[in-house]
């Protein structure tokens, strides 16, 4: 999913990241649920204001995200000094029948890649994807899958640059919303893990 500008459209002041070390990617806690939703909704408003009908505000609730956090599905970068504020987020799940159908090969599915644009130039998007891949590899799976909106001119090349290969397209009706997107399914076979437990991603 896209890297967009959360800062410019936030409804409340957010801490500056100027001169700040980029935070680590860590498992989300319950306190992050509202921040994950706020970041997603902020990006949705940013897209809609620019005629990009990929995400819409209100697709997720904090209660829903709290349940997903309880299942260990979300990972975040939170804001130093304001740990409830989320600067970046990514979700990993173990099946995705609505987009990929039933698959016989075990895989991890990456969703919800969202990055505050104040972190542009820090390679936070790739870091999130690689962190999600490490979660997948740690589960014993060797295949990572994700999807992106076909209408975006940047997403497929972005993920291709991270080693992902297209695996067909599908029309997806967004649950609870009145719109449909055309998705490109993409897949990557993960390299072996190194001695630190991370995948050997160059």
Protein backbone atom coordinates (compact mmCIF):
# COMPACT_ATOMS: atom_id res chain seq x y z
CA UNK A 1 0.00 0.00 0.00
CA UNK A 2 1.07 3.57 -0.59
CA UNK A 3 3.44 5.85 1.21
CA UNK A 4 1.51 9.09 1.74
CA UNK A 5 1.53 12.31 3.72
CA UNK A 6 -0.10 11.99 7.13
CA UNK A 7 1.34 15.18 8.55
CA UNK A 8 -0.26 17.68 6.19
CA UNK A 9 -3.81 16.48 6.77
CA UNK A 10 -3.73 15.53 10.46
CA UNK A 11 -6.55 17.01 12.51
CA UNK A 12 -4.17 17.68 15.42
CA UNK A 13 -0.52 18.77 15.70
CA UNK A 14 1.97 15.96 15.32
CA UNK A 15 5.56 15.88 16.54
CA UNK A 16 8.26 16.83 14.08
CA UNK A 17 10.59 14.13 12.84
CA UNK A 18 13.30 16.57 11.74
CA UNK A 19 16.71 15.31 12.79
CA UNK A 20 15.12 12.27 14.41
CA UNK A 21 16.38 8.73 14.16
CA UNK A 22 13.79 6.57 12.46
CA UNK A 23 12.08 4.41 15.13
CA UNK A 24 12.32 0.64 15.14
CA UNK A 25 9.50 -1.52 13.84
CA UNK A 26 7.91 -3.18 16.89
CA UNK A 27 4.82 -5.30 17.60
CA UNK A 28 1.76 -3.09 18.04
CA UNK A 29 0.24 -2.72 21.49
CA UNK A 30 -3.39 -1.96 22.32
CA UNK A 31 -2.50 1.72 22.79
CA UNK A 32 -1.61 1.88 19.09
CA UNK A 33 -5.06 0.91 17.78
CA UNK A 34 -6.45 4.43 17.52
CA UNK A 35 -3.18 5.67 16.00
CA UNK A 36 -3.24 2.98 13.32
CA UNK A 37 -6.79 3.99 12.38
CA UNK A 38 -5.94 7.70 12.44
CA UNK A 39 -2.95 7.20 10.16
CA UNK A 40 -5.01 5.11 7.74
CA UNK A 41 -7.88 7.62 7.71
CA UNK A 42 -5.47 10.52 7.25
CA UNK A 43 -3.92 8.84 4.24
CA UNK A 44 -7.39 8.05 2.88
CA UNK A 45 -8.36 11.73 3.09
CA UNK A 46 -5.08 12.71 1.42
CA UNK A 47 -5.77 10.31 -1.45
CA UNK A 48 -9.40 11.32 -1.87
CA UNK A 49 -8.42 14.99 -2.02
CA UNK A 50 -6.19 14.10 -4.97
CA UNK A 51 -8.75 11.96 -6.78
CA UNK A 52 -7.18 8.64 -5.76
CA UNK A 53 -9.99 6.25 -4.87
CA UNK A 54 -7.92 3.56 -3.20
CA UNK A 55 -8.62 3.97 0.51
CA UNK A 56 -11.59 5.66 2.16
CA UNK A 57 -11.98 7.06 5.62
CA UNK A 58 -13.81 4.77 8.03
CA UNK A 59 -12.79 1.41 6.56
CA UNK A 60 -11.49 0.30 9.97
CA UNK A 61 -12.42 0.97 13.59
CA UNK A 62 -10.17 1.01 16.63
CA UNK A 63 -12.13 -1.91 18.09
CA UNK A 64 -11.46 -3.99 14.98
CA UNK A 65 -7.76 -3.12 15.01
CA UNK A 66 -7.53 -3.95 18.73
CA UNK A 67 -8.73 -7.47 17.95
CA UNK A 68 -6.13 -7.77 15.18
CA UNK A 69 -3.43 -6.51 17.54
CA UNK A 70 -4.50 -9.14 20.06
CA UNK A 71 -3.85 -11.74 17.35
CA UNK A 72 -0.37 -10.31 16.79
CA UNK A 73 -1.09 -9.03 13.27
CA UNK A 74 0.10 -5.39 13.46
CA UNK A 75 3.58 -3.88 13.60
CA UNK A 76 4.29 -0.17 14.00
CA UNK A 77 6.77 2.65 14.26
CA UNK A 78 5.46 4.93 16.98
CA UNK A 79 6.37 8.54 17.63
CA UNK A 80 9.17 9.17 20.15
CA UNK A 81 7.68 11.00 23.10
CA UNK A 82 4.15 10.22 21.91
CA UNK A 83 4.00 6.40 21.81
CA UNK A 84 0.27 6.32 21.09
CA UNK A 85 0.86 8.14 17.80
CA UNK A 86 1.72 5.88 14.89
CA UNK A 87 4.14 7.05 12.20
CA UNK A 88 4.05 3.84 10.17
CA UNK A 89 2.20 0.54 10.25
CA UNK A 90 2.05 -2.85 8.56
CA UNK A 91 -0.13 -5.92 9.06
CA UNK A 92 0.77 -9.59 8.51
CA UNK A 93 -1.88 -12.33 8.23
CA UNK A 94 -1.67 -16.02 7.35
CA UNK A 95 -4.44 -16.41 4.80
CA UNK A 96 -6.25 -14.04 2.46
CA UNK A 97 -9.03 -15.92 0.66
CA UNK A 98 -10.89 -12.77 -0.42
CA UNK A 99 -7.97 -11.71 -2.62
CA UNK A 100 -5.90 -14.85 -3.12
CA UNK A 101 -8.48 -17.60 -2.75
CA UNK A 102 -7.56 -20.84 -1.03
CA UNK A 103 -3.86 -21.55 -1.43
CA UNK A 104 -2.15 -24.87 -0.71
CA UNK A 105 1.28 -23.31 -0.20
CA UNK A 106 1.78 -21.69 3.24
CA UNK A 107 2.49 -17.97 2.95
CA UNK A 108 2.28 -14.71 4.80
CA UNK A 109 0.18 -11.83 3.47
CA UNK A 110 1.28 -8.22 3.93
CA UNK A 111 -1.36 -5.50 4.26
CA UNK A 112 -1.82 -1.98 5.51
CA UNK A 113 1.61 -0.56 4.65
CA UNK A 114 1.19 3.08 5.70
CA UNK A 115 3.93 5.66 6.24
CA UNK A 116 3.83 9.28 7.37
CA UNK A 117 5.38 11.26 4.53
CA UNK A 118 7.58 13.15 6.98
CA UNK A 119 9.64 9.96 6.95
CA UNK A 120 10.20 10.09 3.18
CA UNK A 121 13.82 9.68 2.28
CA UNK A 122 14.37 7.33 5.23
CA UNK A 123 13.43 4.15 3.31
CA UNK A 124 10.71 3.47 5.88
CA UNK A 125 8.41 1.81 3.33
CA UNK A 126 10.98 -0.83 2.37
CA UNK A 127 11.90 -1.27 6.04
CA UNK A 128 8.28 -2.04 6.89
CA UNK A 129 8.03 -4.60 4.11
CA UNK A 130 11.30 -6.25 5.13
CA UNK A 131 10.20 -6.33 8.78
CA UNK A 132 6.96 -8.03 7.71
CA UNK A 133 8.97 -10.53 5.68
CA UNK A 134 11.05 -11.32 8.78
CA UNK A 135 7.81 -12.07 10.66
CA UNK A 136 6.73 -14.37 7.84
CA UNK A 137 10.09 -16.13 7.71
CA UNK A 138 10.12 -16.56 11.50
CA UNK A 139 6.84 -18.47 11.17
CA UNK A 140 8.58 -21.02 8.95
CA UNK A 141 6.96 -19.77 5.74
CA UNK A 142 9.08 -18.90 2.73
CA UNK A 143 6.56 -17.03 0.57
CA UNK A 144 5.41 -13.44 1.05
CA UNK A 145 2.34 -12.12 -0.78
CA UNK A 146 0.73 -8.71 -1.03
CA UNK A 147 -1.52 -6.72 -3.32
CA UNK A 148 -1.63 -3.19 -4.67
CA UNK A 149 -4.06 -0.97 -6.52
CA UNK A 150 -3.64 -1.26 -10.29
CA UNK A 151 -4.67 2.37 -10.78
CA UNK A 152 -1.60 3.61 -8.91
CA UNK A 153 1.39 4.33 -11.17
CA UNK A 154 3.89 3.89 -8.33
CA UNK A 155 2.89 0.89 -6.24
CA UNK A 156 3.62 -1.99 -8.61
CA UNK A 157 7.09 -0.61 -9.48
CA UNK A 158 7.75 0.01 -5.77
CA UNK A 159 7.03 -3.59 -4.82
CA UNK A 160 8.75 -4.93 -7.94
CA UNK A 161 11.84 -3.08 -6.76
CA UNK A 162 11.62 -5.08 -3.54
CA UNK A 163 11.62 -8.35 -5.44
CA UNK A 164 7.88 -8.97 -5.88
CA UNK A 165 6.48 -10.54 -9.04
CA UNK A 166 2.89 -10.02 -10.31
CA UNK A 167 0.62 -13.04 -9.86
CA UNK A 168 -2.55 -11.94 -11.61
CA UNK A 169 -5.28 -9.39 -10.94
CA UNK A 170 -8.59 -9.44 -9.08
CA UNK A 171 -11.53 -7.08 -8.55
CA UNK A 172 -12.03 -6.50 -4.83
CA UNK A 173 -15.21 -5.15 -3.23
CA UNK A 174 -14.09 -3.36 -0.07
CA UNK A 175 -16.05 -4.81 2.88
CA UNK A 176 -18.60 -2.41 4.30
CA UNK A 177 -17.88 0.23 1.66
CA UNK A 178 -19.50 1.08 -1.67
CA UNK A 179 -16.52 0.81 -3.95
CA UNK A 180 -14.35 -1.69 -5.76
CA UNK A 181 -10.67 -1.66 -6.64
CA UNK A 182 -8.68 -3.62 -9.21
CA UNK A 183 -5.78 -5.25 -7.38
CA UNK A 184 -2.51 -6.66 -8.63
CA UNK A 185 -1.45 -9.69 -6.59
CA UNK A 186 2.32 -9.90 -6.05
CA UNK A 187 4.53 -12.58 -4.54
CA UNK A 188 8.11 -13.06 -3.40
CA UNK A 189 10.01 -16.17 -2.38
CA UNK A 190 11.97 -15.18 0.70
CA UNK A 191 15.71 -15.79 0.90
CA UNK A 192 17.13 -17.93 3.71
CA UNK A 193 17.38 -16.31 7.12
CA UNK A 194 20.81 -15.24 8.35
CA UNK A 195 22.32 -15.78 11.80
CA UNK A 196 20.44 -12.78 13.22
CA UNK A 197 17.05 -14.23 12.26
CA UNK A 198 16.49 -11.72 9.45
CA UNK A 199 16.06 -12.65 5.82
CA UNK A 200 19.13 -12.00 3.69
CA UNK A 201 17.64 -9.08 1.78
CA UNK A 202 20.56 -7.08 0.46
